[in-house]
């Protein structure tokens, strides 16, 4: 942690993140067997100080796990990098794309889109917060929605399904 803090401070003074030093710290952390919590803190520290470098930091973190990377590791790295961004929801896509590229043809790469959707749903600036699903009809306040049709807050049906929503051009679904 102290090494990453030192690299971040030096990078702030220099005006650019030293990705080589960040990568070395992340590789050493994985070799030392740090917990996901510590790895997340390292990623957050670098990605938070340099939001424009967050995709590169997340990519380097995932690469540091090598062939032993798991879905839990990837979820932790993406969530940690996204959480410290000024606009978390908008940052999910570029960070997830960088992680997917870093994973290459790994089996874990197939899980990244699902992980990205889960992380995006948890961001505080998610524009679809409060969106629910149900099969038909309108959602009444306090009513639990279920089923497949995407419904905006207030009960406005949008169409499509929870896994494949119909495209909408405005909040009214027109």
N, C-alpha and C. Protein backbone atom coordinates (compact mmCIF):
# COMPACT_ATOMS: atom_id res chain seq x y z
N UNK A 1 0.83 -1.19 0.00
CA UNK A 1 0.00 0.00 0.00
C UNK A 1 0.88 1.25 0.00
N UNK A 2 1.92 1.22 0.81
CA UNK A 2 2.80 2.37 0.89
C UNK A 2 3.53 2.60 -0.43
N UNK A 3 3.91 1.50 -1.08
CA UNK A 3 4.58 1.64 -2.38
C UNK A 3 3.65 2.29 -3.40
N UNK A 4 2.39 1.83 -3.44
CA UNK A 4 1.44 2.40 -4.40
C UNK A 4 1.19 3.87 -4.07
N UNK A 5 1.07 4.20 -2.81
CA UNK A 5 0.86 5.60 -2.41
C UNK A 5 2.05 6.45 -2.88
N UNK A 6 3.24 5.93 -2.73
CA UNK A 6 4.43 6.65 -3.19
C UNK A 6 4.44 6.86 -4.69
N UNK A 7 4.06 5.82 -5.45
CA UNK A 7 4.01 5.93 -6.91
C UNK A 7 2.95 6.94 -7.32
N UNK A 8 1.80 6.89 -6.67
CA UNK A 8 0.72 7.83 -7.00
C UNK A 8 1.15 9.26 -6.70
N UNK A 9 1.78 9.48 -5.55
CA UNK A 9 2.24 10.84 -5.21
C UNK A 9 3.28 11.34 -6.20
N UNK A 10 4.24 10.49 -6.55
CA UNK A 10 5.26 10.88 -7.52
C UNK A 10 4.63 11.15 -8.89
N UNK A 11 3.65 10.34 -9.25
CA UNK A 11 2.98 10.52 -10.53
C UNK A 11 2.18 11.81 -10.56
N UNK A 12 1.53 12.14 -9.43
CA UNK A 12 0.79 13.40 -9.36
C UNK A 12 1.73 14.59 -9.57
N UNK A 13 2.92 14.51 -8.99
CA UNK A 13 3.90 15.59 -9.17
C UNK A 13 4.37 15.66 -10.61
N UNK A 14 4.54 14.47 -11.24
CA UNK A 14 5.01 14.42 -12.62
C UNK A 14 3.89 14.72 -13.61
N UNK A 15 2.64 14.59 -13.19
CA UNK A 15 1.51 14.88 -14.06
C UNK A 15 1.02 13.70 -14.88
N UNK A 16 1.59 12.52 -14.68
CA UNK A 16 1.14 11.32 -15.41
C UNK A 16 1.44 10.10 -14.56
N UNK A 17 0.56 9.12 -14.65
CA UNK A 17 0.72 7.89 -13.87
C UNK A 17 1.84 7.04 -14.46
N UNK A 18 2.73 6.59 -13.60
CA UNK A 18 3.83 5.73 -14.01
C UNK A 18 3.30 4.29 -14.07
N UNK A 19 2.78 3.89 -15.23
CA UNK A 19 2.15 2.58 -15.36
C UNK A 19 3.13 1.44 -15.15
N UNK A 20 4.40 1.65 -15.48
CA UNK A 20 5.39 0.60 -15.27
C UNK A 20 5.51 0.30 -13.78
N UNK A 21 5.60 1.34 -12.96
CA UNK A 21 5.71 1.16 -11.51
C UNK A 21 4.43 0.56 -10.94
N UNK A 22 3.27 1.00 -11.43
CA UNK A 22 1.98 0.46 -10.97
C UNK A 22 1.91 -1.02 -11.29
N UNK A 23 2.29 -1.39 -12.50
CA UNK A 23 2.26 -2.80 -12.91
C UNK A 23 3.19 -3.64 -12.03
N UNK A 24 4.36 -3.14 -11.72
CA UNK A 24 5.30 -3.87 -10.86
C UNK A 24 4.70 -4.09 -9.47
N UNK A 25 4.04 -3.08 -8.93
CA UNK A 25 3.43 -3.20 -7.59
C UNK A 25 2.29 -4.22 -7.62
N UNK A 26 1.46 -4.15 -8.66
CA UNK A 26 0.34 -5.09 -8.77
C UNK A 26 0.84 -6.53 -8.93
N UNK A 27 1.88 -6.72 -9.73
CA UNK A 27 2.45 -8.06 -9.91
C UNK A 27 3.02 -8.58 -8.58
N UNK A 28 3.72 -7.72 -7.86
CA UNK A 28 4.29 -8.12 -6.57
C UNK A 28 3.18 -8.44 -5.56
N UNK A 29 2.10 -7.70 -5.61
CA UNK A 29 0.98 -7.94 -4.69
C UNK A 29 0.36 -9.31 -4.93
N UNK A 30 0.17 -9.66 -6.20
CA UNK A 30 -0.40 -10.98 -6.52
C UNK A 30 0.57 -12.08 -6.10
N UNK A 31 1.85 -11.90 -6.36
CA UNK A 31 2.85 -12.90 -5.95
C UNK A 31 2.86 -13.08 -4.44
N UNK A 32 2.60 -12.00 -3.72
CA UNK A 32 2.60 -12.07 -2.26
C UNK A 32 1.29 -12.66 -1.73
N UNK A 33 0.32 -12.84 -2.62
CA UNK A 33 -0.95 -13.45 -2.22
C UNK A 33 -1.87 -12.52 -1.44
N UNK A 34 -1.88 -11.25 -1.79
CA UNK A 34 -2.75 -10.30 -1.07
C UNK A 34 -4.22 -10.65 -1.30
N UNK A 35 -5.06 -10.21 -0.39
CA UNK A 35 -6.50 -10.46 -0.49
C UNK A 35 -7.11 -9.59 -1.59
N UNK A 36 -8.32 -9.94 -1.99
CA UNK A 36 -9.03 -9.13 -2.98
C UNK A 36 -9.26 -7.72 -2.46
N UNK A 37 -9.45 -7.60 -1.15
CA UNK A 37 -9.67 -6.28 -0.56
C UNK A 37 -8.44 -5.39 -0.74
N UNK A 38 -7.27 -5.94 -0.51
CA UNK A 38 -6.02 -5.17 -0.67
C UNK A 38 -5.80 -4.84 -2.14
N UNK A 39 -6.04 -5.82 -3.02
CA UNK A 39 -5.87 -5.58 -4.45
C UNK A 39 -6.84 -4.49 -4.91
N UNK A 40 -8.06 -4.53 -4.41
CA UNK A 40 -9.04 -3.50 -4.74
C UNK A 40 -8.58 -2.13 -4.28
N UNK A 41 -7.97 -2.06 -3.10
CA UNK A 41 -7.46 -0.79 -2.58
C UNK A 41 -6.34 -0.25 -3.45
N UNK A 42 -5.46 -1.13 -3.91
CA UNK A 42 -4.36 -0.71 -4.78
C UNK A 42 -4.91 -0.16 -6.10
N UNK A 43 -5.87 -0.87 -6.67
CA UNK A 43 -6.48 -0.43 -7.93
C UNK A 43 -7.19 0.90 -7.72
N UNK A 44 -7.96 1.01 -6.64
CA UNK A 44 -8.70 2.25 -6.35
C UNK A 44 -7.76 3.44 -6.19
N UNK A 45 -6.65 3.21 -5.52
CA UNK A 45 -5.70 4.29 -5.27
C UNK A 45 -5.18 4.87 -6.59
N UNK A 46 -4.74 4.02 -7.49
CA UNK A 46 -4.18 4.48 -8.76
C UNK A 46 -5.28 5.00 -9.69
N UNK A 47 -6.39 4.27 -9.80
CA UNK A 47 -7.47 4.67 -10.72
C UNK A 47 -8.18 5.93 -10.23
N UNK A 48 -8.23 6.13 -8.93
CA UNK A 48 -8.86 7.33 -8.39
C UNK A 48 -8.03 8.57 -8.60
N UNK A 49 -6.73 8.44 -8.48
CA UNK A 49 -5.85 9.58 -8.66
C UNK A 49 -5.74 9.99 -10.13
N UNK A 50 -5.86 9.01 -11.02
CA UNK A 50 -5.75 9.26 -12.46
C UNK A 50 -6.92 8.60 -13.18
N UNK A 51 -8.10 9.23 -13.16
CA UNK A 51 -9.29 8.63 -13.77
C UNK A 51 -9.11 8.25 -15.24
N UNK A 52 -8.35 9.01 -15.97
CA UNK A 52 -8.12 8.69 -17.38
C UNK A 52 -7.31 7.42 -17.58
N UNK A 53 -6.57 7.03 -16.57
CA UNK A 53 -5.76 5.81 -16.63
C UNK A 53 -6.45 4.60 -16.00
N UNK A 54 -7.68 4.76 -15.54
CA UNK A 54 -8.39 3.66 -14.88
C UNK A 54 -8.46 2.39 -15.73
N UNK A 55 -8.77 2.49 -17.05
CA UNK A 55 -8.77 1.25 -17.84
C UNK A 55 -7.42 0.55 -17.87
N UNK A 56 -6.35 1.33 -17.96
CA UNK A 56 -5.01 0.74 -17.98
C UNK A 56 -4.67 0.11 -16.63
N UNK A 57 -5.07 0.75 -15.55
CA UNK A 57 -4.81 0.21 -14.20
C UNK A 57 -5.57 -1.10 -14.02
N UNK A 58 -6.85 -1.11 -14.40
CA UNK A 58 -7.66 -2.34 -14.27
C UNK A 58 -7.09 -3.45 -15.13
N UNK A 59 -6.67 -3.11 -16.33
CA UNK A 59 -6.07 -4.08 -17.24
C UNK A 59 -4.79 -4.67 -16.64
N UNK A 60 -3.95 -3.81 -16.09
CA UNK A 60 -2.70 -4.28 -15.47
C UNK A 60 -2.98 -5.17 -14.27
N UNK A 61 -4.01 -4.82 -13.49
CA UNK A 61 -4.36 -5.62 -12.32
C UNK A 61 -4.81 -7.01 -12.72
N UNK A 62 -5.64 -7.10 -13.74
CA UNK A 62 -6.13 -8.40 -14.20
C UNK A 62 -4.99 -9.22 -14.78
N UNK A 63 -4.11 -8.57 -15.54
CA UNK A 63 -2.95 -9.28 -16.11
C UNK A 63 -2.04 -9.82 -15.02
N UNK A 64 -1.97 -9.12 -13.90
CA UNK A 64 -1.05 -9.54 -12.83
C UNK A 64 -1.44 -10.90 -12.24
N UNK A 65 -2.72 -11.28 -12.37
CA UNK A 65 -3.16 -12.58 -11.87
C UNK A 65 -2.72 -13.72 -12.79
N UNK A 66 -2.38 -13.39 -14.02
CA UNK A 66 -1.95 -14.42 -14.97
C UNK A 66 -3.07 -15.40 -15.27
N UNK A 67 -2.71 -16.65 -15.44
CA UNK A 67 -3.70 -17.68 -15.79
C UNK A 67 -4.56 -18.09 -14.60
N UNK A 68 -4.22 -17.64 -13.41
CA UNK A 68 -4.97 -17.98 -12.20
C UNK A 68 -6.11 -17.02 -11.91
N UNK A 69 -6.38 -16.09 -12.83
CA UNK A 69 -7.43 -15.09 -12.61
C UNK A 69 -8.80 -15.77 -12.53
N UNK A 70 -9.62 -15.27 -11.61
CA UNK A 70 -10.97 -15.81 -11.44
C UNK A 70 -11.99 -14.70 -11.71
N UNK A 71 -13.26 -15.10 -11.85
CA UNK A 71 -14.32 -14.11 -12.04
C UNK A 71 -14.39 -13.17 -10.84
N UNK A 72 -14.17 -13.70 -9.65
CA UNK A 72 -14.20 -12.86 -8.45
C UNK A 72 -13.10 -11.80 -8.50
N UNK A 73 -11.91 -12.19 -8.98
CA UNK A 73 -10.82 -11.22 -9.11
C UNK A 73 -11.20 -10.12 -10.09
N UNK A 74 -11.76 -10.51 -11.22
CA UNK A 74 -12.14 -9.55 -12.26
C UNK A 74 -13.24 -8.62 -11.74
N UNK A 75 -14.23 -9.18 -11.07
CA UNK A 75 -15.33 -8.36 -10.52
C UNK A 75 -14.76 -7.35 -9.53
N UNK A 76 -13.86 -7.78 -8.68
CA UNK A 76 -13.24 -6.91 -7.69
C UNK A 76 -12.46 -5.77 -8.36
N UNK A 77 -11.68 -6.10 -9.37
CA UNK A 77 -10.86 -5.10 -10.05
C UNK A 77 -11.75 -4.08 -10.76
N UNK A 78 -12.75 -4.56 -11.51
CA UNK A 78 -13.63 -3.63 -12.23
C UNK A 78 -14.39 -2.74 -11.24
N UNK A 79 -14.97 -3.35 -10.21
CA UNK A 79 -15.74 -2.58 -9.23
C UNK A 79 -14.86 -1.56 -8.51
N UNK A 80 -13.63 -1.94 -8.19
CA UNK A 80 -12.72 -1.03 -7.49
C UNK A 80 -12.32 0.15 -8.37
N UNK A 81 -12.08 -0.11 -9.65
CA UNK A 81 -11.69 0.96 -10.57
C UNK A 81 -12.87 1.89 -10.86
N UNK A 82 -14.07 1.32 -11.00
CA UNK A 82 -15.26 2.12 -11.31
C UNK A 82 -15.67 2.98 -10.12
N UNK A 83 -15.60 2.44 -8.93
CA UNK A 83 -16.10 3.12 -7.73
C UNK A 83 -15.45 4.47 -7.47
N UNK A 84 -14.23 4.67 -7.91
CA UNK A 84 -13.51 5.91 -7.60
C UNK A 84 -13.52 6.91 -8.76
N UNK A 85 -14.31 6.63 -9.78
CA UNK A 85 -14.36 7.52 -10.94
C UNK A 85 -15.34 8.67 -10.70
N UNK A 86 -15.10 9.83 -11.31
CA UNK A 86 -16.02 10.95 -11.15
C UNK A 86 -17.41 10.64 -11.72
N UNK A 87 -17.47 9.84 -12.77
CA UNK A 87 -18.73 9.42 -13.39
C UNK A 87 -18.70 7.89 -13.51
N UNK A 88 -19.01 7.19 -12.41
CA UNK A 88 -18.85 5.73 -12.38
C UNK A 88 -19.61 5.00 -13.49
N UNK A 89 -20.86 5.35 -13.73
CA UNK A 89 -21.65 4.62 -14.73
C UNK A 89 -21.00 4.69 -16.11
N UNK A 90 -20.55 5.87 -16.50
CA UNK A 90 -19.92 6.05 -17.81
C UNK A 90 -18.56 5.36 -17.89
N UNK A 91 -17.92 5.12 -16.77
CA UNK A 91 -16.59 4.51 -16.79
C UNK A 91 -16.63 2.99 -16.89
N UNK A 92 -17.79 2.37 -16.66
CA UNK A 92 -17.87 0.91 -16.67
C UNK A 92 -17.45 0.35 -18.02
N UNK A 93 -17.95 0.92 -19.10
CA UNK A 93 -17.67 0.39 -20.44
C UNK A 93 -16.18 0.42 -20.80
N UNK A 94 -15.50 1.58 -20.71
CA UNK A 94 -14.08 1.57 -21.09
C UNK A 94 -13.22 0.68 -20.18
N UNK A 95 -13.55 0.63 -18.90
CA UNK A 95 -12.78 -0.21 -17.99
C UNK A 95 -13.01 -1.69 -18.32
N UNK A 96 -14.26 -2.05 -18.57
CA UNK A 96 -14.58 -3.45 -18.89
C UNK A 96 -13.96 -3.87 -20.22
N UNK A 97 -13.96 -2.97 -21.19
CA UNK A 97 -13.34 -3.28 -22.49
C UNK A 97 -11.85 -3.53 -22.33
N UNK A 98 -11.18 -2.70 -21.52
CA UNK A 98 -9.74 -2.88 -21.30
C UNK A 98 -9.46 -4.21 -20.60
N UNK A 99 -10.30 -4.56 -19.65
CA UNK A 99 -10.14 -5.82 -18.93
C UNK A 99 -10.37 -7.00 -19.87
N UNK A 100 -11.37 -6.90 -20.72
CA UNK A 100 -11.64 -7.98 -21.69
C UNK A 100 -10.45 -8.19 -22.60
N UNK A 101 -9.87 -7.09 -23.09
CA UNK A 101 -8.68 -7.20 -23.95
C UNK A 101 -7.52 -7.83 -23.19
N UNK A 102 -7.37 -7.45 -21.93
CA UNK A 102 -6.27 -8.00 -21.12
C UNK A 102 -6.43 -9.50 -20.90
N UNK A 103 -7.68 -9.95 -20.80
CA UNK A 103 -7.94 -11.38 -20.57
C UNK A 103 -7.78 -12.20 -21.84
N UNK A 104 -7.85 -11.58 -22.99
CA UNK A 104 -7.68 -12.29 -24.25
C UNK A 104 -8.72 -13.37 -24.44
N UNK A 105 -8.24 -14.58 -24.71
CA UNK A 105 -9.16 -15.69 -24.97
C UNK A 105 -9.45 -16.52 -23.71
N UNK A 106 -9.14 -15.98 -22.56
CA UNK A 106 -9.39 -16.67 -21.30
C UNK A 106 -10.88 -16.94 -21.13
N UNK A 107 -11.22 -18.03 -20.46
CA UNK A 107 -12.62 -18.35 -20.19
C UNK A 107 -13.28 -17.25 -19.35
N UNK A 108 -12.51 -16.60 -18.51
CA UNK A 108 -13.05 -15.54 -17.65
C UNK A 108 -13.48 -14.33 -18.48
N UNK A 109 -12.87 -14.15 -19.65
CA UNK A 109 -13.23 -13.02 -20.50
C UNK A 109 -14.71 -13.06 -20.88
N UNK A 110 -15.27 -14.25 -21.01
CA UNK A 110 -16.69 -14.39 -21.36
C UNK A 110 -17.60 -13.86 -20.26
N UNK A 111 -17.12 -13.80 -19.04
CA UNK A 111 -17.94 -13.35 -17.92
C UNK A 111 -17.91 -11.83 -17.75
N UNK A 112 -17.01 -11.14 -18.41
CA UNK A 112 -16.86 -9.69 -18.22
C UNK A 112 -18.13 -8.91 -18.54
N UNK A 113 -18.84 -9.19 -19.65
CA UNK A 113 -20.06 -8.42 -19.89
C UNK A 113 -21.07 -8.53 -18.75
N UNK A 114 -21.26 -9.72 -18.21
CA UNK A 114 -22.17 -9.89 -17.09
C UNK A 114 -21.69 -9.17 -15.84
N UNK A 115 -20.40 -9.21 -15.61
CA UNK A 115 -19.81 -8.50 -14.47
C UNK A 115 -20.02 -7.00 -14.65
N UNK A 116 -19.80 -6.51 -15.87
CA UNK A 116 -19.97 -5.08 -16.15
C UNK A 116 -21.40 -4.62 -15.90
N UNK A 117 -22.37 -5.43 -16.31
CA UNK A 117 -23.78 -5.08 -16.07
C UNK A 117 -24.05 -5.00 -14.57
N UNK A 118 -23.53 -5.97 -13.82
CA UNK A 118 -23.72 -5.97 -12.37
C UNK A 118 -23.09 -4.76 -11.71
N UNK A 119 -21.88 -4.41 -12.14
CA UNK A 119 -21.19 -3.25 -11.57
C UNK A 119 -21.94 -1.97 -11.94
N UNK A 120 -22.37 -1.85 -13.19
CA UNK A 120 -23.09 -0.66 -13.64
C UNK A 120 -24.39 -0.47 -12.86
N UNK A 121 -25.05 -1.57 -12.56
CA UNK A 121 -26.32 -1.49 -11.82
C UNK A 121 -26.11 -0.94 -10.42
N UNK A 122 -24.92 -1.09 -9.87
CA UNK A 122 -24.63 -0.64 -8.51
C UNK A 122 -24.05 0.77 -8.44
N UNK A 123 -23.80 1.40 -9.58
CA UNK A 123 -23.21 2.74 -9.55
C UNK A 123 -24.23 3.76 -9.08
N UNK A 124 -23.78 4.76 -8.32
CA UNK A 124 -24.72 5.76 -7.78
C UNK A 124 -25.34 6.66 -8.86
N UNK A 125 -24.69 6.76 -10.02
CA UNK A 125 -25.22 7.62 -11.07
C UNK A 125 -25.88 6.83 -12.20
N UNK A 126 -26.28 5.60 -11.91
CA UNK A 126 -26.95 4.75 -12.89
C UNK A 126 -28.28 5.39 -13.31
N UNK A 127 -28.45 5.72 -14.60
CA UNK A 127 -29.69 6.38 -15.03
C UNK A 127 -30.91 5.45 -14.99
N UNK A 128 -30.69 4.16 -14.86
CA UNK A 128 -31.81 3.22 -14.83
C UNK A 128 -32.15 2.76 -13.42
N UNK A 129 -31.65 3.45 -12.40
CA UNK A 129 -31.98 3.06 -11.03
C UNK A 129 -33.48 3.12 -10.84
N UNK A 130 -34.00 2.11 -10.21
CA UNK A 130 -35.43 2.04 -9.98
C UNK A 130 -36.18 1.33 -11.09
N UNK A 131 -35.47 0.92 -12.16
CA UNK A 131 -36.12 0.20 -13.24
C UNK A 131 -36.46 -1.19 -12.72
N UNK A 132 -37.66 -1.62 -13.01
CA UNK A 132 -38.11 -2.93 -12.54
C UNK A 132 -38.63 -3.75 -13.72
N UNK A 133 -38.95 -4.99 -13.47
CA UNK A 133 -39.49 -5.83 -14.54
C UNK A 133 -40.79 -6.46 -14.08
N UNK A 134 -41.66 -6.72 -15.03
CA UNK A 134 -42.87 -7.48 -14.76
C UNK A 134 -43.44 -7.93 -16.10
N UNK A 135 -44.37 -8.87 -16.07
CA UNK A 135 -44.88 -9.43 -17.32
C UNK A 135 -45.85 -8.51 -18.03
N UNK A 136 -46.75 -7.84 -17.32
CA UNK A 136 -47.69 -6.96 -17.98
C UNK A 136 -48.28 -5.98 -16.97
N UNK A 137 -48.95 -4.97 -17.47
CA UNK A 137 -49.58 -4.01 -16.58
C UNK A 137 -48.62 -2.98 -16.05
N UNK A 138 -49.12 -2.16 -15.16
CA UNK A 138 -48.31 -1.11 -14.57
C UNK A 138 -47.90 -1.48 -13.15
N UNK A 139 -46.76 -0.99 -12.76
CA UNK A 139 -46.27 -1.24 -11.41
C UNK A 139 -46.89 -0.19 -10.50
N UNK A 140 -47.53 -0.63 -9.46
CA UNK A 140 -48.11 0.30 -8.48
C UNK A 140 -47.04 0.63 -7.44
N UNK A 141 -47.07 1.83 -6.87
CA UNK A 141 -46.07 2.17 -5.85
C UNK A 141 -46.04 1.12 -4.74
N UNK A 142 -44.86 0.67 -4.41
CA UNK A 142 -44.69 -0.32 -3.35
C UNK A 142 -44.94 -1.74 -3.80
N UNK A 143 -45.38 -1.94 -5.04
CA UNK A 143 -45.66 -3.28 -5.55
C UNK A 143 -44.37 -3.91 -6.05
N UNK A 144 -44.16 -5.16 -5.74
CA UNK A 144 -42.98 -5.87 -6.21
C UNK A 144 -43.19 -6.27 -7.66
N UNK A 145 -42.27 -5.91 -8.53
CA UNK A 145 -42.39 -6.27 -9.94
C UNK A 145 -41.71 -7.61 -10.18
N UNK A 146 -42.25 -8.36 -11.11
CA UNK A 146 -41.62 -9.64 -11.46
C UNK A 146 -41.88 -9.91 -12.92
N UNK A 147 -41.26 -10.91 -13.45
CA UNK A 147 -41.50 -11.30 -14.83
C UNK A 147 -40.42 -10.80 -15.77
N UNK A 148 -40.81 -10.47 -16.99
CA UNK A 148 -39.82 -10.20 -18.02
C UNK A 148 -39.84 -8.81 -18.65
N UNK A 149 -40.96 -8.10 -18.68
CA UNK A 149 -41.02 -6.82 -19.39
C UNK A 149 -40.35 -5.72 -18.58
N UNK A 150 -39.54 -4.92 -19.25
CA UNK A 150 -38.86 -3.82 -18.59
C UNK A 150 -39.86 -2.70 -18.33
N UNK A 151 -39.87 -2.19 -17.11
CA UNK A 151 -40.82 -1.15 -16.72
C UNK A 151 -40.05 -0.04 -16.03
N UNK A 152 -40.25 1.20 -16.49
CA UNK A 152 -39.57 2.34 -15.87
C UNK A 152 -40.27 2.71 -14.56
N UNK A 153 -39.60 3.48 -13.70
CA UNK A 153 -40.24 3.92 -12.47
C UNK A 153 -41.56 4.62 -12.79
N UNK A 154 -42.57 4.37 -11.99
CA UNK A 154 -43.87 4.93 -12.25
C UNK A 154 -44.75 3.98 -13.03
N UNK A 155 -44.19 2.83 -13.45
CA UNK A 155 -44.99 1.80 -14.09
C UNK A 155 -45.09 1.87 -15.59
N UNK A 156 -44.27 2.69 -16.26
CA UNK A 156 -44.35 2.81 -17.71
C UNK A 156 -43.67 1.61 -18.37
N UNK A 157 -44.42 0.75 -19.09
CA UNK A 157 -43.79 -0.39 -19.76
C UNK A 157 -42.91 0.10 -20.90
N UNK A 158 -41.75 -0.50 -21.06
CA UNK A 158 -40.82 -0.11 -22.11
C UNK A 158 -40.79 -1.16 -23.21
N UNK A 159 -40.92 -2.43 -22.85
CA UNK A 159 -40.84 -3.50 -23.84
C UNK A 159 -39.54 -4.25 -23.71
N UNK A 160 -39.38 -5.26 -24.51
CA UNK A 160 -38.18 -6.08 -24.44
C UNK A 160 -38.24 -6.94 -23.20
N UNK A 161 -37.08 -7.34 -22.72
CA UNK A 161 -37.02 -8.15 -21.51
C UNK A 161 -35.89 -7.65 -20.64
N UNK A 162 -35.77 -8.21 -19.46
CA UNK A 162 -34.74 -7.77 -18.54
C UNK A 162 -33.35 -8.01 -19.11
N UNK A 163 -33.19 -9.07 -19.89
CA UNK A 163 -31.88 -9.38 -20.46
C UNK A 163 -31.70 -8.78 -21.85
N UNK A 164 -32.78 -8.38 -22.48
CA UNK A 164 -32.70 -7.78 -23.81
C UNK A 164 -33.75 -6.68 -23.95
N UNK A 165 -33.51 -5.54 -23.28
CA UNK A 165 -34.52 -4.48 -23.31
C UNK A 165 -34.66 -3.88 -24.71
N UNK A 166 -35.87 -3.44 -25.02
CA UNK A 166 -36.11 -2.75 -26.29
C UNK A 166 -35.42 -1.40 -26.23
N UNK A 167 -34.86 -0.96 -27.34
CA UNK A 167 -34.21 0.36 -27.33
C UNK A 167 -35.26 1.45 -27.11
N UNK A 168 -34.89 2.45 -26.33
CA UNK A 168 -35.79 3.57 -26.11
C UNK A 168 -35.06 4.85 -26.46
N UNK A 169 -35.80 5.82 -27.00
CA UNK A 169 -35.17 7.07 -27.40
C UNK A 169 -35.42 8.16 -26.37
N UNK A 170 -36.39 7.95 -25.50
CA UNK A 170 -36.63 8.91 -24.44
C UNK A 170 -37.29 8.19 -23.27
N UNK A 171 -37.39 8.84 -22.11
CA UNK A 171 -37.95 8.16 -20.94
C UNK A 171 -39.37 7.66 -21.12
N UNK A 172 -40.13 8.23 -22.06
CA UNK A 172 -41.50 7.79 -22.28
C UNK A 172 -41.55 6.53 -23.16
N UNK A 173 -40.40 6.14 -23.69
CA UNK A 173 -40.35 4.93 -24.50
C UNK A 173 -40.75 5.16 -25.95
N UNK A 174 -40.79 6.40 -26.39
CA UNK A 174 -41.18 6.70 -27.78
C UNK A 174 -39.97 6.72 -28.68
